[in-house]
Amino acid sequence: MNEIAELRKEIATLTEKIEGLEERVAPLEKTPRKLPKEWLELKKEIKEFCQEAAKGKKHRASYLQETFYSQLRFIFDILHVDKLTEEQLPRVRELFEQFKDTNKPSKQKVQ
């Protein structure tokens, strides 16, 4: 068998393996991960706090929210905040309370 024929055979074998893996992955992609109710409620609270704190500021609420989420991603070594586990949520709540204390909305408008 020449080299080209061997490479073609190897490609065919790898293609079969890839197709087999794709069949296993597809159902997993279709099943959304159910987020803990406590996390969904906390996310809503975070968003509402950021919206209130950003009133009259130069930065939008999303900037403040992303600042907090970046800290969570770093602390818990995750790529997305929705990857937080139920076990981590008490610590997230604690961090959020600290975040709120340091970012209280002010009554003054920034110029």
N, C-alpha and C. Protein backbone atom coordinates (compact mmCIF):
# COMPACT_ATOMS: atom_id res chain seq x y z
N MET A 1 0.86 -1.18 0.00
CA MET A 1 0.00 0.00 0.00
C MET A 1 0.89 1.23 0.00
N ASN A 2 0.58 2.16 -0.86
CA ASN A 2 1.42 3.35 -0.89
C ASN A 2 1.00 4.32 0.20
N GLU A 3 1.79 5.33 0.39
CA GLU A 3 1.60 6.30 1.48
C GLU A 3 0.26 7.03 1.37
N ILE A 4 -0.14 7.41 0.18
CA ILE A 4 -1.40 8.13 -0.02
C ILE A 4 -2.58 7.25 0.39
N ALA A 5 -2.56 6.00 0.00
CA ALA A 5 -3.64 5.08 0.35
C ALA A 5 -3.71 4.90 1.87
N GLU A 6 -2.57 4.81 2.51
CA GLU A 6 -2.54 4.67 3.97
C GLU A 6 -3.13 5.90 4.65
N LEU A 7 -2.78 7.08 4.14
CA LEU A 7 -3.31 8.32 4.71
C LEU A 7 -4.82 8.41 4.53
N ARG A 8 -5.30 8.00 3.35
CA ARG A 8 -6.74 8.02 3.10
C ARG A 8 -7.47 7.07 4.05
N LYS A 9 -6.88 5.91 4.29
CA LYS A 9 -7.48 4.94 5.20
C LYS A 9 -7.52 5.52 6.63
N GLU A 10 -6.45 6.18 7.01
CA GLU A 10 -6.39 6.80 8.34
C GLU A 10 -7.43 7.92 8.47
N ILE A 11 -7.58 8.71 7.42
CA ILE A 11 -8.60 9.78 7.41
C ILE A 11 -9.98 9.18 7.56
N ALA A 12 -10.27 8.11 6.85
CA ALA A 12 -11.58 7.46 6.92
C ALA A 12 -11.84 6.95 8.34
N THR A 13 -10.84 6.36 8.97
CA THR A 13 -10.97 5.86 10.33
C THR A 13 -11.24 7.01 11.30
N LEU A 14 -10.50 8.08 11.18
CA LEU A 14 -10.69 9.23 12.05
C LEU A 14 -12.06 9.88 11.83
N THR A 15 -12.50 9.93 10.59
CA THR A 15 -13.81 10.49 10.28
C THR A 15 -14.91 9.67 10.97
N GLU A 16 -14.78 8.34 10.94
CA GLU A 16 -15.75 7.48 11.62
C GLU A 16 -15.78 7.77 13.12
N LYS A 17 -14.60 7.92 13.71
CA LYS A 17 -14.52 8.21 15.14
C LYS A 17 -15.17 9.56 15.46
N ILE A 18 -14.91 10.56 14.63
CA ILE A 18 -15.48 11.90 14.84
C ILE A 18 -17.00 11.83 14.76
N GLU A 19 -17.51 11.15 13.76
CA GLU A 19 -18.96 11.03 13.61
C GLU A 19 -19.58 10.34 14.82
N GLY A 20 -18.90 9.33 15.35
CA GLY A 20 -19.38 8.64 16.55
C GLY A 20 -19.41 9.57 17.75
N LEU A 21 -18.40 10.41 17.87
CA LEU A 21 -18.35 11.37 18.98
C LEU A 21 -19.43 12.43 18.82
N GLU A 22 -19.66 12.88 17.60
CA GLU A 22 -20.69 13.90 17.35
C GLU A 22 -22.07 13.37 17.75
N GLU A 23 -22.31 12.08 17.51
CA GLU A 23 -23.59 11.49 17.90
C GLU A 23 -23.75 11.48 19.41
N ARG A 24 -22.65 11.32 20.14
CA ARG A 24 -22.71 11.31 21.61
C ARG A 24 -22.84 12.72 22.17
N VAL A 25 -22.27 13.71 21.48
CA VAL A 25 -22.29 15.09 21.97
C VAL A 25 -23.63 15.76 21.71
N ALA A 26 -24.25 15.49 20.59
CA ALA A 26 -25.49 16.17 20.20
C ALA A 26 -26.56 16.17 21.29
N PRO A 27 -26.88 15.04 21.90
CA PRO A 27 -27.92 15.08 22.94
C PRO A 27 -27.51 15.93 24.15
N LEU A 28 -26.24 15.96 24.45
CA LEU A 28 -25.76 16.75 25.58
C LEU A 28 -25.92 18.24 25.32
N GLU A 29 -25.73 18.65 24.08
CA GLU A 29 -25.86 20.07 23.73
C GLU A 29 -27.32 20.52 23.77
N LYS A 30 -28.23 19.61 23.51
CA LYS A 30 -29.64 19.97 23.47
C LYS A 30 -30.25 20.06 24.87
N THR A 31 -29.62 19.45 25.86
CA THR A 31 -30.16 19.47 27.21
C THR A 31 -29.55 20.65 27.96
N PRO A 32 -30.35 21.70 28.18
CA PRO A 32 -29.79 22.84 28.89
C PRO A 32 -29.56 22.50 30.36
N ARG A 33 -28.51 23.07 30.90
CA ARG A 33 -28.21 22.86 32.32
C ARG A 33 -29.21 23.66 33.13
N LYS A 34 -29.80 23.00 34.10
CA LYS A 34 -30.78 23.68 34.96
C LYS A 34 -30.01 24.43 36.05
N LEU A 35 -30.19 25.75 36.06
CA LEU A 35 -29.49 26.58 37.04
C LEU A 35 -30.26 26.58 38.35
N PRO A 36 -29.54 26.57 39.48
CA PRO A 36 -30.22 26.59 40.77
C PRO A 36 -31.09 27.84 40.92
N LYS A 37 -32.27 27.66 41.49
CA LYS A 37 -33.20 28.76 41.69
C LYS A 37 -32.55 29.89 42.49
N GLU A 38 -31.78 29.51 43.49
CA GLU A 38 -31.10 30.52 44.33
C GLU A 38 -30.16 31.39 43.49
N TRP A 39 -29.48 30.77 42.51
CA TRP A 39 -28.57 31.53 41.66
C TRP A 39 -29.35 32.47 40.74
N LEU A 40 -30.46 31.98 40.19
CA LEU A 40 -31.27 32.83 39.32
C LEU A 40 -31.80 34.05 40.08
N GLU A 41 -32.22 33.83 41.32
CA GLU A 41 -32.71 34.94 42.14
C GLU A 41 -31.58 35.92 42.47
N LEU A 42 -30.40 35.38 42.79
CA LEU A 42 -29.25 36.23 43.10
C LEU A 42 -28.81 37.02 41.88
N LYS A 43 -28.82 36.39 40.71
CA LYS A 43 -28.47 37.11 39.47
C LYS A 43 -29.40 38.30 39.26
N LYS A 44 -30.69 38.08 39.51
CA LYS A 44 -31.66 39.14 39.35
C LYS A 44 -31.38 40.27 40.35
N GLU A 45 -31.05 39.90 41.58
CA GLU A 45 -30.73 40.89 42.60
C GLU A 45 -29.48 41.69 42.24
N ILE A 46 -28.49 41.00 41.70
CA ILE A 46 -27.25 41.66 41.27
C ILE A 46 -27.56 42.68 40.17
N LYS A 47 -28.35 42.25 39.19
CA LYS A 47 -28.70 43.13 38.08
C LYS A 47 -29.45 44.37 38.58
N GLU A 48 -30.43 44.15 39.46
CA GLU A 48 -31.21 45.27 39.98
C GLU A 48 -30.35 46.23 40.79
N PHE A 49 -29.44 45.68 41.60
CA PHE A 49 -28.54 46.54 42.36
C PHE A 49 -27.67 47.38 41.43
N CYS A 50 -27.11 46.75 40.43
CA CYS A 50 -26.24 47.46 39.48
C CYS A 50 -27.00 48.55 38.73
N GLN A 51 -28.24 48.28 38.37
CA GLN A 51 -29.04 49.30 37.69
C GLN A 51 -29.28 50.49 38.59
N GLU A 52 -29.58 50.24 39.85
CA GLU A 52 -29.82 51.33 40.80
C GLU A 52 -28.52 52.10 41.07
N ALA A 53 -27.44 51.38 41.26
CA ALA A 53 -26.15 52.02 41.57
C ALA A 53 -25.63 52.85 40.41
N ALA A 54 -25.98 52.48 39.18
CA ALA A 54 -25.45 53.17 38.00
C ALA A 54 -26.25 54.42 37.62
N LYS A 55 -27.38 54.62 38.26
CA LYS A 55 -28.18 55.81 37.93
C LYS A 55 -27.38 57.07 38.18
N GLY A 56 -27.32 57.93 37.18
CA GLY A 56 -26.59 59.18 37.29
C GLY A 56 -25.08 59.05 37.14
N LYS A 57 -24.61 57.89 36.80
CA LYS A 57 -23.16 57.66 36.63
C LYS A 57 -22.80 57.64 35.16
N LYS A 58 -21.53 57.78 34.90
CA LYS A 58 -21.04 57.75 33.51
C LYS A 58 -21.10 56.33 32.94
N HIS A 59 -20.91 55.35 33.81
CA HIS A 59 -20.89 53.96 33.34
C HIS A 59 -22.27 53.34 33.43
N ARG A 60 -22.52 52.39 32.55
CA ARG A 60 -23.81 51.69 32.55
C ARG A 60 -23.81 50.60 33.62
N ALA A 61 -25.00 50.13 33.95
CA ALA A 61 -25.17 49.07 34.95
C ALA A 61 -24.42 47.81 34.54
N SER A 62 -24.39 47.53 33.26
CA SER A 62 -23.72 46.31 32.79
C SER A 62 -22.23 46.34 33.11
N TYR A 63 -21.63 47.52 33.14
CA TYR A 63 -20.21 47.64 33.47
C TYR A 63 -19.98 47.21 34.92
N LEU A 64 -20.82 47.68 35.83
CA LEU A 64 -20.70 47.33 37.23
C LEU A 64 -20.96 45.84 37.44
N GLN A 65 -21.98 45.33 36.77
CA GLN A 65 -22.32 43.91 36.87
C GLN A 65 -21.18 43.04 36.36
N GLU A 66 -20.61 43.40 35.24
CA GLU A 66 -19.51 42.63 34.68
C GLU A 66 -18.28 42.69 35.58
N THR A 67 -18.08 43.80 36.27
CA THR A 67 -16.98 43.91 37.22
C THR A 67 -17.13 42.87 38.32
N PHE A 68 -18.34 42.74 38.84
CA PHE A 68 -18.58 41.75 39.89
C PHE A 68 -18.43 40.34 39.34
N TYR A 69 -19.01 40.08 38.17
CA TYR A 69 -18.91 38.74 37.58
C TYR A 69 -17.46 38.36 37.28
N SER A 70 -16.65 39.33 36.88
CA SER A 70 -15.23 39.04 36.63
C SER A 70 -14.54 38.59 37.90
N GLN A 71 -14.89 39.21 39.00
CA GLN A 71 -14.31 38.79 40.29
C GLN A 71 -14.72 37.35 40.62
N LEU A 72 -15.98 37.03 40.38
CA LEU A 72 -16.46 35.66 40.65
C LEU A 72 -15.72 34.65 39.78
N ARG A 73 -15.56 34.98 38.49
CA ARG A 73 -14.86 34.06 37.60
C ARG A 73 -13.43 33.82 38.07
N PHE A 74 -12.79 34.86 38.56
CA PHE A 74 -11.42 34.72 39.04
C PHE A 74 -11.37 33.91 40.33
N ILE A 75 -12.22 34.27 41.30
CA ILE A 75 -12.21 33.62 42.60
C ILE A 75 -12.52 32.12 42.49
N PHE A 76 -13.52 31.79 41.67
CA PHE A 76 -13.94 30.39 41.57
C PHE A 76 -13.31 29.66 40.39
N ASP A 77 -12.44 30.34 39.64
CA ASP A 77 -11.72 29.75 38.51
C ASP A 77 -12.68 29.09 37.52
N ILE A 78 -13.65 29.89 37.06
CA ILE A 78 -14.64 29.41 36.09
C ILE A 78 -14.64 30.36 34.89
N LEU A 79 -15.13 29.89 33.78
CA LEU A 79 -15.19 30.73 32.58
C LEU A 79 -16.49 31.51 32.49
N HIS A 80 -17.55 31.01 33.10
CA HIS A 80 -18.85 31.68 33.04
C HIS A 80 -19.52 31.56 34.40
N VAL A 81 -20.17 32.62 34.84
CA VAL A 81 -20.78 32.63 36.17
C VAL A 81 -21.88 31.58 36.31
N ASP A 82 -22.48 31.15 35.24
CA ASP A 82 -23.51 30.12 35.33
C ASP A 82 -22.92 28.74 35.62
N LYS A 83 -21.62 28.66 35.72
CA LYS A 83 -20.96 27.40 36.09
C LYS A 83 -20.79 27.28 37.61
N LEU A 84 -21.25 28.29 38.34
CA LEU A 84 -21.18 28.23 39.80
C LEU A 84 -22.04 27.07 40.30
N THR A 85 -21.59 26.43 41.37
CA THR A 85 -22.34 25.32 41.94
C THR A 85 -23.18 25.81 43.13
N GLU A 86 -24.14 25.00 43.51
CA GLU A 86 -24.98 25.35 44.66
C GLU A 86 -24.13 25.52 45.92
N GLU A 87 -23.08 24.73 46.03
CA GLU A 87 -22.20 24.81 47.20
C GLU A 87 -21.46 26.14 47.26
N GLN A 88 -21.23 26.75 46.13
CA GLN A 88 -20.51 28.02 46.09
C GLN A 88 -21.41 29.23 46.34
N LEU A 89 -22.71 29.06 46.23
CA LEU A 89 -23.63 30.19 46.31
C LEU A 89 -23.60 30.94 47.64
N PRO A 90 -23.44 30.28 48.79
CA PRO A 90 -23.35 31.07 50.02
C PRO A 90 -22.16 32.03 50.00
N ARG A 91 -21.04 31.58 49.45
CA ARG A 91 -19.86 32.46 49.34
C ARG A 91 -20.12 33.59 48.34
N VAL A 92 -20.82 33.29 47.26
CA VAL A 92 -21.17 34.31 46.28
C VAL A 92 -22.05 35.37 46.93
N ARG A 93 -23.01 34.93 47.72
CA ARG A 93 -23.90 35.86 48.42
C ARG A 93 -23.07 36.77 49.34
N GLU A 94 -22.13 36.18 50.06
CA GLU A 94 -21.26 36.95 50.96
C GLU A 94 -20.45 37.99 50.17
N LEU A 95 -19.91 37.57 49.04
CA LEU A 95 -19.13 38.49 48.21
C LEU A 95 -20.01 39.60 47.65
N PHE A 96 -21.23 39.27 47.29
CA PHE A 96 -22.14 40.27 46.77
C PHE A 96 -22.49 41.30 47.84
N GLU A 97 -22.70 40.86 49.06
CA GLU A 97 -22.99 41.80 50.14
C GLU A 97 -21.82 42.76 50.34
N GLN A 98 -20.60 42.26 50.25
CA GLN A 98 -19.41 43.12 50.36
C GLN A 98 -19.35 44.08 49.17
N PHE A 99 -19.66 43.57 48.00
CA PHE A 99 -19.65 44.38 46.78
C PHE A 99 -20.67 45.52 46.90
N LYS A 100 -21.85 45.20 47.42
CA LYS A 100 -22.89 46.22 47.60
C LYS A 100 -22.41 47.30 48.57
N ASP A 101 -21.75 46.89 49.65
CA ASP A 101 -21.27 47.86 50.64
C ASP A 101 -20.26 48.83 50.04
N THR A 102 -19.45 48.36 49.12
CA THR A 102 -18.42 49.23 48.54
C THR A 102 -18.89 49.98 47.30
N ASN A 103 -20.08 49.67 46.84
CA ASN A 103 -20.60 50.31 45.61
C ASN A 103 -22.01 50.87 45.81
N LYS A 104 -22.27 51.38 46.99
CA LYS A 104 -23.59 51.92 47.28
C LYS A 104 -23.89 53.08 46.34
N PRO A 105 -25.12 53.13 45.87
CA PRO A 105 -25.50 54.25 45.00
C PRO A 105 -25.37 55.57 45.75
N SER A 106 -24.82 56.55 45.09
CA SER A 106 -24.70 57.86 45.72
C SER A 106 -25.84 58.75 45.22
N LYS A 107 -26.13 59.75 46.00
CA LYS A 107 -27.19 60.68 45.62
C LYS A 107 -26.68 61.76 44.69
N GLN A 108 -25.36 61.89 44.60
CA GLN A 108 -24.78 62.94 43.76
C GLN A 108 -24.65 62.45 42.34
N LYS A 109 -24.85 63.37 41.41
CA LYS A 109 -24.60 63.06 40.00
C LYS A 109 -23.15 63.39 39.68
N VAL A 110 -22.53 62.51 38.90
CA VAL A 110 -21.16 62.74 38.46
C VAL A 110 -21.21 63.61 37.21
N GLN A 111 -20.31 64.56 37.14
CA GLN A 111 -20.31 65.45 35.96
C GLN A 111 -19.25 65.07 34.98
